[in-house]
């Protein structure tokens, strides 16, 4: 697909996120704007969306078409790359589940994250990705971000 096709797909992504995914995306845009202005968050392009680094060493939170994550970019670029792809994968799930995303993916994912925080033996990626919504977020996010950001726009 040529660059024009990627641009059109990006526009469709945002229209879809602001309508079918509006329950998460609209508050997400307000929250990330607050984080950028008042918490000095650092936004980064993330596929068709954006991810904003705030706070210390913590995971990520997808809010529709935008996401938040801990300060990884400078300290641990590899972990930042994994996190941003994973969170973009959640935004693709948002396109599918729309208003149900909060109940089908977001709340269970948050519970799983906090469980791993309090039970150290569950802090590895193999356990975390062993459930369908985390596994598909990582897989889809990696595939899509790599394709969207690829230099060869003829693919």
N, C-alpha and C. Protein backbone atom coordinates (compact mmCIF):
# COMPACT_ATOMS: atom_id res chain seq x y z
N UNK A 1 0.85 -1.17 0.00
CA UNK A 1 0.00 0.00 0.00
C UNK A 1 0.89 1.24 0.00
N UNK A 2 0.58 2.17 -0.82
CA UNK A 2 1.38 3.40 -0.93
C UNK A 2 1.17 4.27 0.31
N UNK A 3 2.00 5.30 0.43
CA UNK A 3 1.91 6.21 1.57
C UNK A 3 0.51 6.81 1.70
N UNK A 4 -0.11 7.15 0.57
CA UNK A 4 -1.47 7.69 0.58
C UNK A 4 -2.43 6.72 1.27
N UNK A 5 -2.26 5.42 1.02
CA UNK A 5 -3.10 4.41 1.65
C UNK A 5 -2.92 4.36 3.16
N UNK A 6 -1.68 4.51 3.61
CA UNK A 6 -1.42 4.54 5.05
C UNK A 6 -2.06 5.76 5.69
N UNK A 7 -2.00 6.91 5.00
CA UNK A 7 -2.62 8.13 5.51
C UNK A 7 -4.13 7.94 5.61
N UNK A 8 -4.73 7.37 4.58
CA UNK A 8 -6.18 7.12 4.61
C UNK A 8 -6.55 6.15 5.73
N UNK A 9 -5.75 5.11 5.92
CA UNK A 9 -6.00 4.16 6.99
C UNK A 9 -5.87 4.84 8.36
N UNK A 10 -4.89 5.75 8.50
CA UNK A 10 -4.74 6.50 9.74
C UNK A 10 -5.95 7.38 10.02
N UNK A 11 -6.49 8.01 9.00
CA UNK A 11 -7.69 8.84 9.17
C UNK A 11 -8.88 7.97 9.59
N UNK A 12 -9.04 6.83 8.95
CA UNK A 12 -10.11 5.90 9.34
C UNK A 12 -9.93 5.42 10.78
N UNK A 13 -8.67 5.15 11.16
CA UNK A 13 -8.38 4.73 12.53
C UNK A 13 -8.91 5.76 13.52
N UNK A 14 -8.60 7.05 13.29
CA UNK A 14 -9.03 8.10 14.22
C UNK A 14 -10.54 8.31 14.19
N UNK A 15 -11.17 8.24 13.03
CA UNK A 15 -12.63 8.37 12.97
C UNK A 15 -13.28 7.24 13.77
N UNK A 16 -12.78 6.03 13.57
CA UNK A 16 -13.31 4.87 14.27
C UNK A 16 -13.08 4.99 15.78
N UNK A 17 -11.89 5.45 16.17
CA UNK A 17 -11.59 5.60 17.60
C UNK A 17 -12.46 6.67 18.25
N UNK A 18 -12.75 7.74 17.52
CA UNK A 18 -13.55 8.83 18.09
C UNK A 18 -15.05 8.55 18.07
N UNK A 19 -15.49 7.52 17.35
CA UNK A 19 -16.90 7.17 17.33
C UNK A 19 -17.12 5.88 18.11
N UNK A 20 -16.87 4.73 17.49
CA UNK A 20 -17.06 3.43 18.13
C UNK A 20 -16.20 3.29 19.39
N UNK A 21 -15.01 3.89 19.38
CA UNK A 21 -14.12 3.81 20.54
C UNK A 21 -14.12 5.05 21.41
N UNK A 22 -15.11 5.93 21.20
CA UNK A 22 -15.14 7.21 21.90
C UNK A 22 -15.21 7.13 23.41
N UNK A 23 -15.82 6.06 23.94
CA UNK A 23 -15.94 5.91 25.39
C UNK A 23 -14.58 5.94 26.08
N UNK A 24 -13.56 5.42 25.41
CA UNK A 24 -12.20 5.44 25.97
C UNK A 24 -11.36 6.56 25.37
N UNK A 25 -11.51 6.83 24.08
CA UNK A 25 -10.62 7.77 23.40
C UNK A 25 -10.84 9.21 23.83
N UNK A 26 -12.07 9.65 23.95
CA UNK A 26 -12.32 11.06 24.30
C UNK A 26 -11.80 11.38 25.70
N UNK A 27 -12.14 10.60 26.74
CA UNK A 27 -11.50 10.87 28.04
C UNK A 27 -9.99 10.68 27.98
N UNK A 28 -9.52 9.71 27.17
CA UNK A 28 -8.08 9.47 27.03
C UNK A 28 -7.35 10.68 26.49
N UNK A 29 -7.93 11.36 25.50
CA UNK A 29 -7.31 12.57 24.96
C UNK A 29 -7.22 13.66 26.02
N UNK A 30 -8.26 13.81 26.83
CA UNK A 30 -8.24 14.81 27.91
C UNK A 30 -7.20 14.46 28.97
N UNK A 31 -7.12 13.20 29.33
CA UNK A 31 -6.15 12.76 30.34
C UNK A 31 -4.73 12.94 29.83
N UNK A 32 -4.47 12.56 28.58
CA UNK A 32 -3.10 12.71 28.06
C UNK A 32 -2.74 14.18 27.88
N UNK A 33 -3.69 15.03 27.52
CA UNK A 33 -3.41 16.47 27.43
C UNK A 33 -3.03 17.01 28.80
N UNK A 34 -3.75 16.59 29.83
CA UNK A 34 -3.43 16.99 31.20
C UNK A 34 -2.02 16.52 31.57
N UNK A 35 -1.70 15.28 31.23
CA UNK A 35 -0.38 14.73 31.55
C UNK A 35 0.75 15.47 30.83
N UNK A 36 0.51 15.86 29.58
CA UNK A 36 1.53 16.59 28.83
C UNK A 36 1.73 17.98 29.41
N UNK A 37 0.63 18.68 29.71
CA UNK A 37 0.72 20.07 30.18
C UNK A 37 1.19 20.15 31.63
N UNK A 38 0.57 19.39 32.51
CA UNK A 38 0.84 19.56 33.94
C UNK A 38 1.88 18.60 34.51
N UNK A 39 2.03 17.44 33.91
CA UNK A 39 3.01 16.47 34.43
C UNK A 39 4.25 16.38 33.55
N UNK A 40 4.33 17.26 32.56
CA UNK A 40 5.48 17.31 31.63
C UNK A 40 5.70 15.97 30.93
N UNK A 41 4.61 15.32 30.55
CA UNK A 41 4.70 14.06 29.83
C UNK A 41 5.32 14.25 28.46
N UNK A 42 6.02 13.23 28.01
CA UNK A 42 6.70 13.28 26.72
C UNK A 42 5.94 12.41 25.71
N UNK A 43 5.29 13.04 24.72
CA UNK A 43 4.56 12.25 23.73
C UNK A 43 5.49 11.68 22.65
N UNK A 44 5.16 10.48 22.21
CA UNK A 44 5.88 9.81 21.13
C UNK A 44 4.85 9.25 20.15
N UNK A 45 5.16 9.29 18.89
CA UNK A 45 4.31 8.69 17.88
C UNK A 45 4.29 7.18 18.10
N UNK A 46 3.14 6.58 17.91
CA UNK A 46 2.98 5.15 18.17
C UNK A 46 2.04 4.55 17.14
N UNK A 47 2.55 4.19 15.98
CA UNK A 47 1.68 3.72 14.91
C UNK A 47 0.84 4.88 14.43
N UNK A 48 -0.47 4.73 14.49
CA UNK A 48 -1.38 5.82 14.16
C UNK A 48 -1.71 6.67 15.38
N UNK A 49 -1.27 6.26 16.55
CA UNK A 49 -1.64 6.93 17.79
C UNK A 49 -0.43 7.58 18.46
N UNK A 50 -0.59 7.93 19.72
CA UNK A 50 0.50 8.51 20.51
C UNK A 50 0.56 7.83 21.86
N UNK A 51 1.78 7.77 22.40
CA UNK A 51 1.98 7.27 23.75
C UNK A 51 2.76 8.34 24.51
N UNK A 52 2.36 8.60 25.75
CA UNK A 52 2.95 9.66 26.54
C UNK A 52 3.63 9.06 27.76
N UNK A 53 4.92 9.38 27.92
CA UNK A 53 5.68 8.91 29.08
C UNK A 53 5.44 9.83 30.26
N UNK A 54 5.03 9.25 31.36
CA UNK A 54 4.88 10.00 32.61
C UNK A 54 5.34 9.12 33.77
N UNK A 55 5.65 9.75 34.87
CA UNK A 55 5.94 9.01 36.09
C UNK A 55 7.19 8.18 36.02
N UNK A 56 7.24 7.21 36.92
CA UNK A 56 8.44 6.40 37.05
C UNK A 56 8.36 5.09 36.32
N UNK A 57 8.80 4.04 36.99
CA UNK A 57 8.93 2.72 36.39
C UNK A 57 7.63 1.93 36.57
N UNK A 58 6.74 2.06 35.61
CA UNK A 58 5.49 1.31 35.62
C UNK A 58 5.17 0.90 34.19
N UNK A 59 4.18 0.11 33.97
CA UNK A 59 3.86 -0.43 32.65
C UNK A 59 3.23 0.58 31.72
N UNK A 60 2.06 0.27 31.20
CA UNK A 60 1.37 1.15 30.28
C UNK A 60 -0.12 1.08 30.49
N UNK A 61 -0.81 2.08 29.95
CA UNK A 61 -2.27 2.15 30.06
C UNK A 61 -2.81 2.69 28.75
N UNK A 62 -3.61 1.88 28.06
CA UNK A 62 -4.22 2.28 26.80
C UNK A 62 -5.51 2.99 27.11
N UNK A 63 -5.69 4.15 26.50
CA UNK A 63 -6.91 4.94 26.68
C UNK A 63 -7.51 5.22 25.30
N UNK A 64 -7.90 4.18 24.61
CA UNK A 64 -8.43 4.34 23.25
C UNK A 64 -7.30 4.54 22.27
N UNK A 65 -7.29 5.68 21.60
CA UNK A 65 -6.28 5.97 20.58
C UNK A 65 -5.00 6.54 21.16
N UNK A 66 -4.93 6.71 22.45
CA UNK A 66 -3.73 7.22 23.11
C UNK A 66 -3.37 6.30 24.27
N UNK A 67 -2.13 6.39 24.72
CA UNK A 67 -1.70 5.54 25.83
C UNK A 67 -0.73 6.30 26.71
N UNK A 68 -0.59 5.85 27.93
CA UNK A 68 0.39 6.38 28.87
C UNK A 68 1.34 5.26 29.25
N UNK A 69 2.59 5.61 29.55
CA UNK A 69 3.54 4.60 30.03
C UNK A 69 4.55 5.28 30.94
N UNK A 70 5.31 4.47 31.68
CA UNK A 70 6.37 4.99 32.52
C UNK A 70 7.53 5.52 31.69
N UNK A 71 8.47 6.17 32.34
CA UNK A 71 9.65 6.71 31.65
C UNK A 71 10.61 5.59 31.28
N UNK A 72 10.47 5.07 30.05
CA UNK A 72 11.32 4.00 29.57
C UNK A 72 12.22 4.43 28.43
N UNK A 73 11.79 5.40 27.67
CA UNK A 73 12.43 5.72 26.40
C UNK A 73 13.94 5.89 26.52
N UNK A 74 14.39 6.64 27.52
CA UNK A 74 15.83 6.89 27.67
C UNK A 74 16.49 5.77 28.46
N UNK A 75 15.86 5.33 29.54
CA UNK A 75 16.48 4.34 30.43
C UNK A 75 16.47 2.92 29.88
N UNK A 76 15.39 2.54 29.22
CA UNK A 76 15.28 1.16 28.73
C UNK A 76 14.50 1.18 27.42
N UNK A 77 15.16 1.55 26.34
CA UNK A 77 14.51 1.72 25.05
C UNK A 77 13.84 0.44 24.58
N UNK A 78 14.44 -0.71 24.84
CA UNK A 78 13.85 -1.98 24.42
C UNK A 78 12.50 -2.21 25.10
N UNK A 79 12.43 -1.93 26.40
CA UNK A 79 11.16 -2.11 27.11
C UNK A 79 10.12 -1.10 26.64
N UNK A 80 10.55 0.12 26.34
CA UNK A 80 9.65 1.13 25.79
C UNK A 80 9.06 0.64 24.47
N UNK A 81 9.90 0.09 23.59
CA UNK A 81 9.43 -0.41 22.30
C UNK A 81 8.40 -1.52 22.49
N UNK A 82 8.64 -2.43 23.42
CA UNK A 82 7.68 -3.50 23.70
C UNK A 82 6.37 -2.90 24.22
N UNK A 83 6.47 -1.99 25.17
CA UNK A 83 5.29 -1.40 25.79
C UNK A 83 4.45 -0.64 24.78
N UNK A 84 5.10 0.17 23.95
CA UNK A 84 4.32 0.97 23.00
C UNK A 84 3.63 0.11 21.97
N UNK A 85 4.26 -0.95 21.52
CA UNK A 85 3.62 -1.86 20.57
C UNK A 85 2.44 -2.59 21.23
N UNK A 86 2.65 -3.03 22.45
CA UNK A 86 1.60 -3.72 23.21
C UNK A 86 0.39 -2.81 23.40
N UNK A 87 0.63 -1.57 23.80
CA UNK A 87 -0.48 -0.64 24.03
C UNK A 87 -1.19 -0.28 22.72
N UNK A 88 -0.45 -0.19 21.61
CA UNK A 88 -1.11 0.03 20.32
C UNK A 88 -1.97 -1.18 19.97
N UNK A 89 -1.52 -2.37 20.32
CA UNK A 89 -2.33 -3.57 20.11
C UNK A 89 -3.65 -3.49 20.85
N UNK A 90 -3.63 -2.93 22.07
CA UNK A 90 -4.88 -2.72 22.81
C UNK A 90 -5.77 -1.73 22.07
N UNK A 91 -5.17 -0.73 21.42
CA UNK A 91 -6.00 0.24 20.68
C UNK A 91 -6.65 -0.42 19.47
N UNK A 92 -6.01 -1.43 18.89
CA UNK A 92 -6.63 -2.18 17.80
C UNK A 92 -7.80 -3.00 18.35
N UNK A 93 -7.61 -3.58 19.53
CA UNK A 93 -8.72 -4.28 20.18
C UNK A 93 -9.89 -3.33 20.41
N UNK A 94 -9.57 -2.09 20.74
CA UNK A 94 -10.60 -1.06 20.95
C UNK A 94 -11.44 -0.87 19.68
N UNK A 95 -10.79 -0.94 18.52
CA UNK A 95 -11.52 -0.80 17.25
C UNK A 95 -12.53 -1.94 17.07
N UNK A 96 -12.21 -3.10 17.61
CA UNK A 96 -13.09 -4.26 17.48
C UNK A 96 -14.20 -4.24 18.54
N UNK A 97 -13.84 -4.03 19.79
CA UNK A 97 -14.80 -4.15 20.89
C UNK A 97 -15.53 -2.86 21.25
N UNK A 98 -15.00 -1.72 20.81
CA UNK A 98 -15.66 -0.44 21.07
C UNK A 98 -15.96 -0.22 22.54
N UNK A 99 -17.21 0.10 22.87
CA UNK A 99 -17.55 0.41 24.26
C UNK A 99 -17.39 -0.78 25.22
N UNK A 100 -17.34 -1.99 24.69
CA UNK A 100 -17.15 -3.17 25.54
C UNK A 100 -15.70 -3.36 25.96
N UNK A 101 -14.78 -2.65 25.31
CA UNK A 101 -13.34 -2.77 25.59
C UNK A 101 -13.05 -2.61 27.08
N UNK A 102 -13.69 -1.65 27.70
CA UNK A 102 -13.46 -1.38 29.12
C UNK A 102 -13.68 -2.63 29.97
N UNK A 103 -14.70 -3.39 29.64
CA UNK A 103 -15.06 -4.56 30.45
C UNK A 103 -14.41 -5.85 29.99
N UNK A 104 -14.16 -5.97 28.68
CA UNK A 104 -13.59 -7.20 28.13
C UNK A 104 -12.07 -7.22 28.24
N UNK A 105 -11.43 -6.05 28.10
CA UNK A 105 -9.97 -6.00 28.05
C UNK A 105 -9.36 -5.11 29.13
N UNK A 106 -9.79 -3.86 29.23
CA UNK A 106 -9.10 -2.88 30.07
C UNK A 106 -9.10 -3.24 31.55
N UNK A 107 -10.26 -3.52 32.11
CA UNK A 107 -10.34 -3.86 33.54
C UNK A 107 -9.63 -5.18 33.82
N UNK A 108 -9.89 -6.26 33.05
CA UNK A 108 -9.13 -7.49 33.30
C UNK A 108 -7.62 -7.31 33.14
N UNK A 109 -7.19 -6.49 32.18
CA UNK A 109 -5.76 -6.24 31.99
C UNK A 109 -5.17 -5.51 33.18
N UNK A 110 -5.89 -4.52 33.70
CA UNK A 110 -5.41 -3.78 34.88
C UNK A 110 -5.32 -4.71 36.10
N UNK A 111 -6.32 -5.56 36.26
CA UNK A 111 -6.28 -6.52 37.38
C UNK A 111 -5.10 -7.46 37.25
N UNK A 112 -4.84 -7.91 36.04
CA UNK A 112 -3.71 -8.80 35.78
C UNK A 112 -2.38 -8.10 36.07
N UNK A 113 -2.26 -6.84 35.65
CA UNK A 113 -1.05 -6.05 35.90
C UNK A 113 -0.80 -5.93 37.41
N UNK A 114 -1.83 -5.54 38.16
CA UNK A 114 -1.65 -5.35 39.60
C UNK A 114 -1.41 -6.68 40.32
N UNK A 115 -2.00 -7.75 39.85
CA UNK A 115 -1.72 -9.06 40.41
C UNK A 115 -0.24 -9.39 40.26
N UNK A 116 0.31 -9.11 39.08
CA UNK A 116 1.73 -9.37 38.83
C UNK A 116 2.62 -8.48 39.71
N UNK A 117 2.17 -7.28 40.02
CA UNK A 117 2.94 -6.39 40.90
C UNK A 117 3.03 -6.99 42.31
N UNK A 118 1.92 -7.53 42.80
CA UNK A 118 1.88 -8.03 44.17
C UNK A 118 2.33 -9.48 44.32
N UNK A 119 2.38 -10.23 43.24
CA UNK A 119 2.84 -11.62 43.28
C UNK A 119 4.04 -11.72 42.33
N UNK A 120 5.25 -11.52 42.86
CA UNK A 120 6.45 -11.38 42.02
C UNK A 120 6.71 -12.52 41.04
N UNK A 121 6.32 -13.75 41.36
CA UNK A 121 6.61 -14.84 40.43
C UNK A 121 5.81 -14.74 39.12
N UNK A 122 4.86 -13.80 39.05
CA UNK A 122 4.07 -13.61 37.83
C UNK A 122 4.48 -12.35 37.05
N UNK A 123 5.67 -11.86 37.27
CA UNK A 123 6.10 -10.62 36.61
C UNK A 123 6.75 -10.81 35.25
N UNK A 124 6.82 -12.01 34.74
CA UNK A 124 7.48 -12.18 33.45
C UNK A 124 6.48 -12.09 32.31
N UNK A 125 6.99 -11.79 31.12
CA UNK A 125 6.13 -11.61 29.95
C UNK A 125 5.44 -12.89 29.52
N UNK A 126 6.03 -14.05 29.77
CA UNK A 126 5.39 -15.30 29.38
C UNK A 126 4.06 -15.48 30.11
N UNK A 127 4.06 -15.23 31.42
CA UNK A 127 2.81 -15.33 32.18
C UNK A 127 1.84 -14.24 31.75
N UNK A 128 2.34 -13.02 31.63
CA UNK A 128 1.47 -11.88 31.31
C UNK A 128 0.80 -12.08 29.95
N UNK A 129 1.51 -12.58 28.97
CA UNK A 129 0.96 -12.78 27.63
C UNK A 129 0.24 -14.13 27.46
N UNK A 130 0.06 -14.87 28.55
CA UNK A 130 -0.57 -16.18 28.44
C UNK A 130 -2.09 -16.11 28.34
N UNK A 131 -2.67 -14.94 28.46
CA UNK A 131 -4.12 -14.78 28.31
C UNK A 131 -4.39 -14.07 26.98
N UNK A 132 -5.50 -14.39 26.34
CA UNK A 132 -5.76 -13.97 24.96
C UNK A 132 -5.65 -12.48 24.73
N UNK A 133 -6.18 -11.63 25.62
CA UNK A 133 -6.19 -10.20 25.33
C UNK A 133 -4.82 -9.56 25.45
N UNK A 134 -3.94 -10.11 26.25
CA UNK A 134 -2.57 -9.59 26.33
C UNK A 134 -1.73 -10.12 25.17
N UNK A 135 -1.91 -11.39 24.87
CA UNK A 135 -1.17 -12.00 23.77
C UNK A 135 -1.49 -11.33 22.44
N UNK A 136 -2.78 -11.13 22.15
CA UNK A 136 -3.14 -10.50 20.89
C UNK A 136 -2.72 -9.04 20.85
N UNK A 137 -2.74 -8.36 21.99
CA UNK A 137 -2.27 -6.96 22.01
C UNK A 137 -0.80 -6.88 21.62
N UNK A 138 0.02 -7.74 22.17
CA UNK A 138 1.44 -7.75 21.84
C UNK A 138 1.65 -8.13 20.37
N UNK A 139 0.97 -9.18 19.92
CA UNK A 139 1.14 -9.66 18.55
C UNK A 139 0.65 -8.63 17.53
N UNK A 140 -0.58 -8.16 17.67
CA UNK A 140 -1.15 -7.21 16.72
C UNK A 140 -0.42 -5.88 16.75
N UNK A 141 -0.08 -5.42 17.96
CA UNK A 141 0.63 -4.14 18.06
C UNK A 141 1.97 -4.17 17.37
N UNK A 142 2.70 -5.28 17.53
CA UNK A 142 4.00 -5.41 16.89
C UNK A 142 3.86 -5.43 15.37
N UNK A 143 2.94 -6.23 14.87
CA UNK A 143 2.73 -6.32 13.43
C UNK A 143 2.35 -4.96 12.85
N UNK A 144 1.37 -4.30 13.45
CA UNK A 144 0.86 -3.04 12.89
C UNK A 144 1.85 -1.89 13.03
N UNK A 145 2.49 -1.74 14.19
CA UNK A 145 3.45 -0.63 14.35
C UNK A 145 4.62 -0.82 13.40
N UNK A 146 5.12 -2.04 13.27
CA UNK A 146 6.23 -2.27 12.35
C UNK A 146 5.82 -1.94 10.91
N UNK A 147 4.61 -2.30 10.51
CA UNK A 147 4.15 -2.01 9.14
C UNK A 147 3.92 -0.51 8.94
N UNK A 148 3.24 0.14 9.89
CA UNK A 148 2.93 1.57 9.76
C UNK A 148 4.21 2.39 9.70
N UNK A 149 5.20 2.03 10.49
CA UNK A 149 6.42 2.82 10.59
C UNK A 149 7.50 2.36 9.63
N UNK A 150 7.20 1.37 8.80
CA UNK A 150 8.21 0.90 7.86
C UNK A 150 8.51 1.97 6.83
N UNK A 151 9.75 2.02 6.40
CA UNK A 151 10.20 3.01 5.42
C UNK A 151 9.69 2.67 4.03
N UNK A 152 9.53 1.40 3.77
CA UNK A 152 9.11 0.96 2.43
C UNK A 152 7.60 1.10 2.35
N UNK A 153 7.12 2.20 1.78
CA UNK A 153 5.69 2.47 1.75
C UNK A 153 4.97 1.76 0.60
N UNK A 154 5.69 0.97 -0.19
CA UNK A 154 5.05 0.25 -1.28
C UNK A 154 4.48 -1.08 -0.82
N UNK A 155 4.71 -1.48 0.45
CA UNK A 155 4.19 -2.77 0.94
C UNK A 155 2.76 -2.64 1.37
